[in-house]
Amino acid sequence: MRLKTFLTAPLLFLAMAPQALAVEPFLTLPDTPSQSGNQLESALPLQATAPVYMDQLLAREHERFTQFATEQMHRMNANIIGGRHSMQVQKHGKNQYRASYKAIDVEGIVCQVRRSESNPNYYVGSVIYKEHILESIAQAPEACRKGQFVRVSEKSNRIIYSSKHGGGWQ
């Protein structure tokens, strides 16, 4: 069940302001280089820092979830996937060895948070991340372990979490 909210006149104006400002046909810029800086900034329309549709609670929960998801990805990298700690070295061909391991691209994760459809007091968060397989090829197993690793494949994954009663994620 979706709750209906009514916008007050100032909020309605803020919501409609980008469309109203887009009607303005021209913006005069300074002709000489000495007329830049503050005059140019005062000629441009002001933009709101946060979208009107995103309330403070949702924004705060998005920050919490991003921190939680980053910690989870670091734990998964260390414990479940293993990273460099669970590297495998195999003989590849006559005189070559191949070392490979899996790793999560923690810096590339994308976090999304929305309110639960069944209860707006709870949130649903999803983490989209990429799992890479990295390989190194050398003529000796130790050289292979210490060599330069190249990404040979990547797989996109998504994990969905929900907020629990009293705050936090599970």
N, C-alpha and C. Protein backbone atom coordinates (compact mmCIF):
# COMPACT_ATOMS: atom_id res chain seq x y z
N MET A 1 0.85 -1.18 0.00
CA MET A 1 0.00 0.00 0.00
C MET A 1 0.89 1.23 0.00
N ARG A 2 0.70 2.10 -0.90
CA ARG A 2 1.52 3.28 -1.03
C ARG A 2 0.81 4.45 -0.36
N LEU A 3 1.55 5.18 0.45
CA LEU A 3 1.00 6.35 1.13
C LEU A 3 1.05 7.56 0.21
N LYS A 4 0.02 8.35 0.22
CA LYS A 4 0.00 9.58 -0.57
C LYS A 4 0.42 10.73 0.32
N THR A 5 1.27 11.59 -0.23
CA THR A 5 1.67 12.79 0.50
C THR A 5 1.30 13.99 -0.35
N PHE A 6 0.95 15.05 0.32
CA PHE A 6 0.61 16.28 -0.36
C PHE A 6 1.72 17.29 -0.14
N LEU A 7 2.10 17.97 -1.21
CA LEU A 7 3.17 18.95 -1.14
C LEU A 7 2.60 20.32 -0.77
N THR A 8 3.30 20.99 0.11
CA THR A 8 2.92 22.36 0.44
C THR A 8 3.37 23.26 -0.70
N ALA A 9 2.91 24.49 -0.72
CA ALA A 9 3.23 25.41 -1.81
C ALA A 9 4.74 25.62 -1.97
N PRO A 10 5.53 25.84 -0.89
CA PRO A 10 6.98 26.01 -1.09
C PRO A 10 7.64 24.75 -1.64
N LEU A 11 7.24 23.58 -1.19
CA LEU A 11 7.83 22.34 -1.71
C LEU A 11 7.44 22.11 -3.16
N LEU A 12 6.21 22.45 -3.50
CA LEU A 12 5.76 22.32 -4.87
C LEU A 12 6.56 23.26 -5.77
N PHE A 13 6.83 24.48 -5.30
CA PHE A 13 7.64 25.41 -6.08
C PHE A 13 9.05 24.86 -6.28
N LEU A 14 9.65 24.31 -5.22
CA LEU A 14 10.99 23.73 -5.35
C LEU A 14 11.00 22.55 -6.31
N ALA A 15 9.95 21.76 -6.30
CA ALA A 15 9.87 20.62 -7.20
C ALA A 15 9.73 21.07 -8.65
N MET A 16 9.03 22.17 -8.86
CA MET A 16 8.80 22.67 -10.21
C MET A 16 9.87 23.66 -10.66
N ALA A 17 10.74 24.10 -9.78
CA ALA A 17 11.72 25.14 -10.11
C ALA A 17 12.62 24.77 -11.28
N PRO A 18 13.16 23.55 -11.40
CA PRO A 18 14.02 23.26 -12.55
C PRO A 18 13.28 23.42 -13.88
N GLN A 19 12.00 23.05 -13.96
CA GLN A 19 11.26 23.22 -15.19
C GLN A 19 11.01 24.70 -15.47
N ALA A 20 10.72 25.47 -14.43
CA ALA A 20 10.46 26.89 -14.61
C ALA A 20 11.72 27.62 -15.06
N LEU A 21 12.87 27.21 -14.52
CA LEU A 21 14.12 27.87 -14.90
C LEU A 21 14.56 27.46 -16.30
N ALA A 22 14.14 26.31 -16.78
CA ALA A 22 14.53 25.85 -18.11
C ALA A 22 13.88 26.67 -19.21
N VAL A 23 12.82 27.42 -18.90
CA VAL A 23 12.13 28.22 -19.90
C VAL A 23 12.94 29.46 -20.25
N GLU A 24 13.80 29.91 -19.34
CA GLU A 24 14.58 31.12 -19.59
C GLU A 24 15.43 30.92 -20.84
N PRO A 25 15.23 31.76 -21.90
CA PRO A 25 15.87 31.48 -23.18
C PRO A 25 17.36 31.78 -23.23
N PHE A 26 17.84 32.81 -22.56
CA PHE A 26 19.23 33.21 -22.69
C PHE A 26 19.86 33.44 -21.34
N LEU A 27 21.16 33.19 -21.29
CA LEU A 27 21.95 33.52 -20.12
C LEU A 27 23.13 34.32 -20.63
N THR A 28 23.22 35.58 -20.23
CA THR A 28 24.30 36.41 -20.74
C THR A 28 25.54 36.18 -19.90
N LEU A 29 26.63 35.91 -20.57
CA LEU A 29 27.91 35.69 -19.93
C LEU A 29 28.77 36.93 -20.12
N PRO A 30 29.74 37.18 -19.26
CA PRO A 30 30.59 38.34 -19.41
C PRO A 30 31.41 38.27 -20.69
N ASP A 31 31.61 39.46 -21.31
CA ASP A 31 32.35 39.54 -22.57
C ASP A 31 33.85 39.57 -22.34
N THR A 32 34.29 40.18 -21.30
CA THR A 32 35.73 40.32 -21.07
C THR A 32 36.19 39.34 -20.01
N PRO A 33 37.46 38.94 -20.07
CA PRO A 33 37.96 37.99 -19.08
C PRO A 33 37.98 38.55 -17.66
N SER A 34 37.99 39.86 -17.50
CA SER A 34 38.04 40.45 -16.16
C SER A 34 36.70 40.33 -15.45
N GLN A 35 35.64 40.08 -16.20
CA GLN A 35 34.31 39.96 -15.60
C GLN A 35 33.92 38.49 -15.38
N SER A 36 34.76 37.75 -14.75
CA SER A 36 34.43 36.35 -14.46
C SER A 36 34.37 36.17 -12.96
N GLY A 37 34.26 34.94 -12.54
CA GLY A 37 34.26 34.69 -11.10
C GLY A 37 32.90 34.89 -10.49
N ASN A 38 32.79 35.85 -9.55
CA ASN A 38 31.56 36.04 -8.78
C ASN A 38 30.39 36.48 -9.64
N GLN A 39 30.64 37.31 -10.66
CA GLN A 39 29.54 37.76 -11.50
C GLN A 39 28.95 36.61 -12.29
N LEU A 40 29.81 35.69 -12.75
CA LEU A 40 29.32 34.54 -13.50
C LEU A 40 28.52 33.62 -12.59
N GLU A 41 28.99 33.42 -11.39
CA GLU A 41 28.29 32.56 -10.46
C GLU A 41 26.93 33.14 -10.05
N SER A 42 26.86 34.46 -9.93
CA SER A 42 25.59 35.07 -9.55
C SER A 42 24.59 35.05 -10.70
N ALA A 43 25.05 34.92 -11.96
CA ALA A 43 24.15 34.88 -13.10
C ALA A 43 23.53 33.50 -13.28
N LEU A 44 24.17 32.44 -12.74
CA LEU A 44 23.64 31.09 -12.90
C LEU A 44 22.57 30.81 -11.85
N PRO A 45 21.55 30.06 -12.19
CA PRO A 45 20.50 29.74 -11.21
C PRO A 45 21.02 28.77 -10.16
N LEU A 46 20.50 28.88 -8.95
CA LEU A 46 20.91 28.01 -7.87
C LEU A 46 20.22 26.65 -8.00
N GLN A 47 20.95 25.58 -7.73
CA GLN A 47 20.40 24.24 -7.77
C GLN A 47 20.29 23.70 -6.35
N ALA A 48 19.31 22.88 -6.09
CA ALA A 48 19.17 22.25 -4.79
C ALA A 48 20.27 21.20 -4.62
N THR A 49 20.78 21.03 -3.40
CA THR A 49 21.87 20.09 -3.17
C THR A 49 21.38 18.65 -3.16
N ALA A 50 20.20 18.36 -2.71
CA ALA A 50 19.67 17.00 -2.68
C ALA A 50 18.35 16.97 -3.45
N PRO A 51 18.07 15.87 -4.13
CA PRO A 51 16.80 15.79 -4.83
C PRO A 51 15.63 15.89 -3.86
N VAL A 52 14.54 16.49 -4.34
CA VAL A 52 13.37 16.71 -3.49
C VAL A 52 12.75 15.38 -3.06
N TYR A 53 12.79 14.36 -3.96
CA TYR A 53 12.13 13.10 -3.65
C TYR A 53 12.86 12.29 -2.58
N MET A 54 14.13 12.59 -2.31
CA MET A 54 14.89 11.80 -1.34
C MET A 54 14.82 12.46 0.03
N ASP A 55 14.13 11.81 0.95
CA ASP A 55 13.98 12.39 2.28
C ASP A 55 15.24 12.11 3.10
N GLN A 56 15.34 12.76 4.24
CA GLN A 56 16.53 12.66 5.09
C GLN A 56 16.73 11.24 5.62
N LEU A 57 15.66 10.55 5.99
CA LEU A 57 15.79 9.19 6.52
C LEU A 57 16.34 8.24 5.47
N LEU A 58 15.87 8.36 4.24
CA LEU A 58 16.34 7.49 3.17
C LEU A 58 17.81 7.79 2.85
N ALA A 59 18.17 9.07 2.83
CA ALA A 59 19.56 9.43 2.57
C ALA A 59 20.48 8.90 3.67
N ARG A 60 20.06 9.02 4.93
CA ARG A 60 20.86 8.52 6.05
C ARG A 60 20.99 7.00 5.97
N GLU A 61 19.91 6.32 5.62
CA GLU A 61 19.95 4.86 5.52
C GLU A 61 20.84 4.42 4.36
N HIS A 62 20.88 5.21 3.29
CA HIS A 62 21.76 4.90 2.16
C HIS A 62 23.23 4.98 2.60
N GLU A 63 23.57 6.00 3.39
CA GLU A 63 24.94 6.12 3.90
C GLU A 63 25.29 4.93 4.79
N ARG A 64 24.38 4.55 5.68
CA ARG A 64 24.62 3.40 6.57
C ARG A 64 24.79 2.12 5.76
N PHE A 65 23.94 1.95 4.77
CA PHE A 65 24.01 0.73 3.98
C PHE A 65 25.30 0.67 3.17
N THR A 66 25.74 1.80 2.62
CA THR A 66 26.98 1.82 1.86
C THR A 66 28.15 1.41 2.74
N GLN A 67 28.20 1.90 3.96
CA GLN A 67 29.26 1.52 4.89
C GLN A 67 29.16 0.02 5.22
N PHE A 68 27.96 -0.47 5.50
CA PHE A 68 27.75 -1.88 5.79
C PHE A 68 28.17 -2.75 4.61
N ALA A 69 27.78 -2.38 3.40
CA ALA A 69 28.08 -3.17 2.21
C ALA A 69 29.57 -3.21 1.93
N THR A 70 30.27 -2.10 2.14
CA THR A 70 31.70 -2.07 1.93
C THR A 70 32.40 -3.01 2.90
N GLU A 71 31.98 -3.00 4.16
CA GLU A 71 32.56 -3.92 5.15
C GLU A 71 32.27 -5.37 4.76
N GLN A 72 31.05 -5.65 4.30
CA GLN A 72 30.69 -7.00 3.89
C GLN A 72 31.54 -7.47 2.71
N MET A 73 31.79 -6.60 1.75
CA MET A 73 32.59 -6.98 0.58
C MET A 73 34.04 -7.27 0.98
N HIS A 74 34.58 -6.49 1.93
CA HIS A 74 35.93 -6.76 2.42
C HIS A 74 35.98 -8.13 3.12
N ARG A 75 34.95 -8.44 3.93
CA ARG A 75 34.89 -9.74 4.60
C ARG A 75 34.76 -10.88 3.60
N MET A 76 33.91 -10.69 2.59
CA MET A 76 33.75 -11.73 1.57
C MET A 76 35.05 -11.95 0.82
N ASN A 77 35.75 -10.87 0.51
CA ASN A 77 37.02 -10.97 -0.19
C ASN A 77 38.03 -11.78 0.63
N ALA A 78 38.07 -11.55 1.93
CA ALA A 78 39.05 -12.21 2.79
C ALA A 78 38.65 -13.63 3.15
N ASN A 79 37.39 -13.87 3.47
CA ASN A 79 36.99 -15.15 4.03
C ASN A 79 36.35 -16.12 3.03
N ILE A 80 35.45 -15.64 2.20
CA ILE A 80 34.71 -16.54 1.33
C ILE A 80 35.45 -16.77 0.01
N ILE A 81 35.78 -15.71 -0.67
CA ILE A 81 36.45 -15.84 -1.96
C ILE A 81 37.93 -16.13 -1.75
N GLY A 82 38.54 -15.51 -0.77
CA GLY A 82 39.92 -15.82 -0.40
C GLY A 82 40.95 -14.88 -0.94
N GLY A 83 40.74 -14.28 -2.08
CA GLY A 83 41.73 -13.36 -2.64
C GLY A 83 43.07 -14.05 -2.88
N ARG A 84 44.13 -13.32 -2.65
CA ARG A 84 45.49 -13.86 -2.86
C ARG A 84 45.81 -15.01 -1.92
N HIS A 85 45.12 -15.07 -0.78
CA HIS A 85 45.39 -16.14 0.19
C HIS A 85 44.99 -17.51 -0.33
N SER A 86 44.03 -17.57 -1.23
CA SER A 86 43.62 -18.86 -1.78
C SER A 86 44.03 -19.00 -3.24
N MET A 87 45.19 -18.49 -3.56
CA MET A 87 45.72 -18.55 -4.91
C MET A 87 46.02 -19.99 -5.30
N GLN A 88 45.73 -20.34 -6.52
CA GLN A 88 46.02 -21.67 -7.04
C GLN A 88 47.08 -21.56 -8.13
N VAL A 89 48.07 -22.45 -8.06
CA VAL A 89 49.13 -22.50 -9.08
C VAL A 89 49.03 -23.84 -9.77
N GLN A 90 48.96 -23.80 -11.10
CA GLN A 90 48.86 -25.01 -11.89
C GLN A 90 49.87 -24.97 -13.03
N LYS A 91 50.32 -26.14 -13.41
CA LYS A 91 51.24 -26.24 -14.54
C LYS A 91 50.44 -25.97 -15.80
N HIS A 92 50.98 -25.12 -16.66
CA HIS A 92 50.30 -24.71 -17.89
C HIS A 92 51.28 -24.89 -19.04
N GLY A 93 51.12 -25.93 -19.77
CA GLY A 93 52.04 -26.19 -20.87
C GLY A 93 53.30 -26.90 -20.39
N LYS A 94 54.36 -26.85 -21.21
CA LYS A 94 55.58 -27.60 -20.91
C LYS A 94 56.43 -26.94 -19.84
N ASN A 95 56.69 -25.63 -19.97
CA ASN A 95 57.58 -24.93 -19.03
C ASN A 95 56.94 -23.72 -18.37
N GLN A 96 55.63 -23.71 -18.27
CA GLN A 96 54.98 -22.53 -17.70
C GLN A 96 54.01 -22.94 -16.59
N TYR A 97 53.82 -21.99 -15.67
CA TYR A 97 52.87 -22.15 -14.57
C TYR A 97 51.89 -20.99 -14.59
N ARG A 98 50.69 -21.27 -14.14
CA ARG A 98 49.67 -20.23 -14.09
C ARG A 98 49.14 -20.14 -12.66
N ALA A 99 49.20 -18.93 -12.10
CA ALA A 99 48.63 -18.66 -10.78
C ALA A 99 47.35 -17.86 -10.99
N SER A 100 46.30 -18.22 -10.25
CA SER A 100 45.03 -17.50 -10.39
C SER A 100 44.34 -17.41 -9.05
N TYR A 101 43.55 -16.35 -8.90
CA TYR A 101 42.73 -16.17 -7.71
C TYR A 101 41.55 -15.27 -8.06
N LYS A 102 40.53 -15.32 -7.19
CA LYS A 102 39.34 -14.48 -7.36
C LYS A 102 39.40 -13.32 -6.39
N ALA A 103 38.87 -12.19 -6.82
CA ALA A 103 38.81 -11.01 -5.95
C ALA A 103 37.60 -10.16 -6.32
N ILE A 104 37.04 -9.50 -5.32
CA ILE A 104 35.92 -8.58 -5.52
C ILE A 104 36.46 -7.17 -5.69
N ASP A 105 35.94 -6.46 -6.66
CA ASP A 105 36.30 -5.05 -6.87
C ASP A 105 35.51 -4.21 -5.87
N VAL A 106 36.09 -3.99 -4.68
CA VAL A 106 35.37 -3.29 -3.61
C VAL A 106 35.12 -1.82 -3.97
N GLU A 107 36.06 -1.20 -4.66
CA GLU A 107 35.88 0.22 -5.01
C GLU A 107 34.79 0.42 -6.05
N GLY A 108 34.45 -0.62 -6.78
CA GLY A 108 33.46 -0.50 -7.85
C GLY A 108 32.06 -0.93 -7.47
N ILE A 109 31.79 -1.14 -6.18
CA ILE A 109 30.45 -1.59 -5.79
C ILE A 109 29.43 -0.47 -5.96
N VAL A 110 28.21 -0.86 -6.26
CA VAL A 110 27.10 0.09 -6.40
C VAL A 110 26.04 -0.31 -5.37
N CYS A 111 25.65 0.65 -4.54
CA CYS A 111 24.66 0.40 -3.49
C CYS A 111 23.37 1.14 -3.83
N GLN A 112 22.25 0.43 -3.66
CA GLN A 112 20.93 1.02 -3.89
C GLN A 112 20.06 0.73 -2.67
N VAL A 113 19.30 1.72 -2.23
CA VAL A 113 18.43 1.55 -1.07
C VAL A 113 17.05 2.11 -1.43
N ARG A 114 16.02 1.38 -1.02
CA ARG A 114 14.65 1.84 -1.21
C ARG A 114 13.84 1.39 0.00
N ARG A 115 12.69 1.99 0.16
CA ARG A 115 11.79 1.60 1.24
C ARG A 115 11.11 0.28 0.87
N SER A 116 10.83 -0.52 1.87
CA SER A 116 10.12 -1.77 1.65
C SER A 116 8.70 -1.47 1.20
N GLU A 117 8.20 -2.21 0.24
CA GLU A 117 6.84 -1.98 -0.25
C GLU A 117 5.80 -2.42 0.79
N SER A 118 6.11 -3.46 1.56
CA SER A 118 5.14 -3.96 2.52
C SER A 118 5.10 -3.12 3.80
N ASN A 119 6.24 -2.52 4.19
CA ASN A 119 6.29 -1.69 5.40
C ASN A 119 7.29 -0.56 5.17
N PRO A 120 6.85 0.68 5.02
CA PRO A 120 7.75 1.80 4.71
C PRO A 120 8.74 2.13 5.83
N ASN A 121 8.59 1.51 7.01
CA ASN A 121 9.55 1.74 8.08
C ASN A 121 10.82 0.91 7.90
N TYR A 122 10.79 -0.06 7.00
CA TYR A 122 11.94 -0.91 6.72
C TYR A 122 12.50 -0.56 5.34
N TYR A 123 13.75 -0.94 5.13
CA TYR A 123 14.43 -0.63 3.88
C TYR A 123 14.96 -1.91 3.24
N VAL A 124 15.11 -1.87 1.92
CA VAL A 124 15.71 -2.96 1.16
C VAL A 124 16.91 -2.37 0.44
N GLY A 125 18.05 -3.01 0.60
CA GLY A 125 19.28 -2.54 -0.04
C GLY A 125 19.85 -3.62 -0.92
N SER A 126 20.41 -3.22 -2.04
CA SER A 126 21.08 -4.18 -2.92
C SER A 126 22.47 -3.68 -3.24
N VAL A 127 23.39 -4.63 -3.32
CA VAL A 127 24.79 -4.35 -3.65
C VAL A 127 25.08 -5.03 -4.97
N ILE A 128 25.56 -4.27 -5.91
CA ILE A 128 25.98 -4.82 -7.20
C ILE A 128 27.50 -4.73 -7.22
N TYR A 129 28.14 -5.87 -7.43
CA TYR A 129 29.61 -5.90 -7.41
C TYR A 129 30.11 -6.82 -8.50
N LYS A 130 31.41 -6.71 -8.80
CA LYS A 130 32.04 -7.55 -9.82
C LYS A 130 33.10 -8.41 -9.16
N GLU A 131 33.06 -9.67 -9.51
CA GLU A 131 34.04 -10.64 -9.04
C GLU A 131 35.01 -10.89 -10.20
N HIS A 132 36.28 -10.64 -9.98
CA HIS A 132 37.30 -10.79 -11.02
C HIS A 132 38.11 -12.06 -10.80
N ILE A 133 38.56 -12.65 -11.89
CA ILE A 133 39.56 -13.71 -11.82
C ILE A 133 40.83 -13.12 -12.40
N LEU A 134 41.90 -13.17 -11.59
CA LEU A 134 43.19 -12.60 -11.98
C LEU A 134 44.19 -13.73 -12.16
N GLU A 135 45.04 -13.62 -13.19
CA GLU A 135 46.02 -14.66 -13.49
C GLU A 135 47.38 -14.06 -13.77
N SER A 136 48.38 -14.88 -13.49
CA SER A 136 49.77 -14.55 -13.78
C SER A 136 50.43 -15.79 -14.36
N ILE A 137 51.23 -15.64 -15.38
CA ILE A 137 51.92 -16.76 -16.02
C ILE A 137 53.42 -16.51 -15.95
N ALA A 138 54.16 -17.55 -15.53
CA ALA A 138 55.62 -17.46 -15.44
C ALA A 138 56.21 -18.86 -15.62
N GLN A 139 57.56 -18.95 -15.62
CA GLN A 139 58.22 -20.23 -15.84
C GLN A 139 58.46 -21.00 -14.54
N ALA A 140 58.25 -20.37 -13.39
CA ALA A 140 58.43 -21.04 -12.11
C ALA A 140 57.24 -20.70 -11.21
N PRO A 141 56.87 -21.61 -10.31
CA PRO A 141 55.71 -21.34 -9.44
C PRO A 141 55.88 -20.10 -8.58
N GLU A 142 57.06 -19.89 -8.00
CA GLU A 142 57.26 -18.69 -7.15
C GLU A 142 57.23 -17.41 -7.97
N ALA A 143 57.81 -17.44 -9.16
CA ALA A 143 57.77 -16.26 -10.03
C ALA A 143 56.33 -15.97 -10.45
N CYS A 144 55.58 -17.02 -10.60
CA CYS A 144 54.18 -16.87 -10.97
C CYS A 144 53.38 -16.20 -9.85
N ARG A 145 53.65 -16.59 -8.59
CA ARG A 145 52.95 -16.00 -7.44
C ARG A 145 53.29 -14.52 -7.28
N LYS A 146 54.50 -14.14 -7.60
CA LYS A 146 54.96 -12.75 -7.41
C LYS A 146 54.83 -11.91 -8.67
N GLY A 147 54.38 -12.51 -9.76
CA GLY A 147 54.29 -11.80 -11.04
C GLY A 147 53.15 -10.80 -11.09
N GLN A 148 53.05 -10.18 -12.23
CA GLN A 148 51.98 -9.20 -12.45
C GLN A 148 50.71 -9.95 -12.85
N PHE A 149 49.61 -9.68 -12.13
CA PHE A 149 48.35 -10.35 -12.38
C PHE A 149 47.49 -9.51 -13.33
N VAL A 150 46.84 -10.23 -14.23
CA VAL A 150 45.99 -9.60 -15.23
C VAL A 150 44.57 -10.15 -15.06
N ARG A 151 43.59 -9.27 -15.16
CA ARG A 151 42.19 -9.68 -15.06
C ARG A 151 41.81 -10.42 -16.34
N VAL A 152 41.35 -11.67 -16.20
CA VAL A 152 40.99 -12.47 -17.36
C VAL A 152 39.48 -12.64 -17.50
N SER A 153 38.74 -12.47 -16.43
CA SER A 153 37.29 -12.53 -16.54
C SER A 153 36.66 -11.76 -15.38
N GLU A 154 35.39 -11.42 -15.58
CA GLU A 154 34.65 -10.75 -14.52
C GLU A 154 33.20 -11.22 -14.57
N LYS A 155 32.61 -11.26 -13.40
CA LYS A 155 31.24 -11.72 -13.26
C LYS A 155 30.50 -10.75 -12.36
N SER A 156 29.37 -10.26 -12.83
CA SER A 156 28.55 -9.34 -12.02
C SER A 156 27.65 -10.13 -11.10
N ASN A 157 27.52 -9.64 -9.87
CA ASN A 157 26.68 -10.27 -8.86
C ASN A 157 25.84 -9.22 -8.15
N ARG A 158 24.75 -9.67 -7.54
CA ARG A 158 23.89 -8.79 -6.76
C ARG A 158 23.49 -9.52 -5.48
N ILE A 159 23.58 -8.82 -4.36
CA ILE A 159 23.13 -9.36 -3.08
C ILE A 159 22.09 -8.39 -2.54
N ILE A 160 20.98 -8.93 -2.04
CA ILE A 160 19.90 -8.11 -1.51
C ILE A 160 19.86 -8.29 0.00
N TYR A 161 19.83 -7.17 0.72
CA TYR A 161 19.75 -7.16 2.18
C TYR A 161 18.48 -6.44 2.60
N SER A 162 18.07 -6.66 3.84
CA SER A 162 16.93 -5.93 4.37
C SER A 162 17.32 -5.36 5.73
N SER A 163 16.67 -4.26 6.09
CA SER A 163 16.95 -3.66 7.39
C SER A 163 16.16 -4.44 8.43
N LYS A 164 16.68 -4.46 9.64
CA LYS A 164 15.99 -5.18 10.70
C LYS A 164 15.37 -4.20 11.68
N HIS A 165 14.48 -4.68 12.51
CA HIS A 165 13.79 -3.84 13.49
C HIS A 165 14.81 -3.22 14.45
N GLY A 166 14.76 -1.93 14.63
CA GLY A 166 15.70 -1.25 15.52
C GLY A 166 16.93 -0.73 14.81
N GLY A 167 17.00 -0.88 13.50
CA GLY A 167 18.13 -0.37 12.72
C GLY A 167 19.12 -1.48 12.41
N GLY A 168 19.97 -1.20 11.46
CA GLY A 168 20.98 -2.17 11.05
C GLY A 168 20.52 -2.98 9.85
N TRP A 169 21.44 -3.75 9.31
CA TRP A 169 21.18 -4.53 8.11
C TRP A 169 21.48 -5.99 8.36
N GLN A 170 20.79 -6.86 7.65
CA GLN A 170 21.04 -8.30 7.75
C GLN A 170 20.94 -8.96 6.40
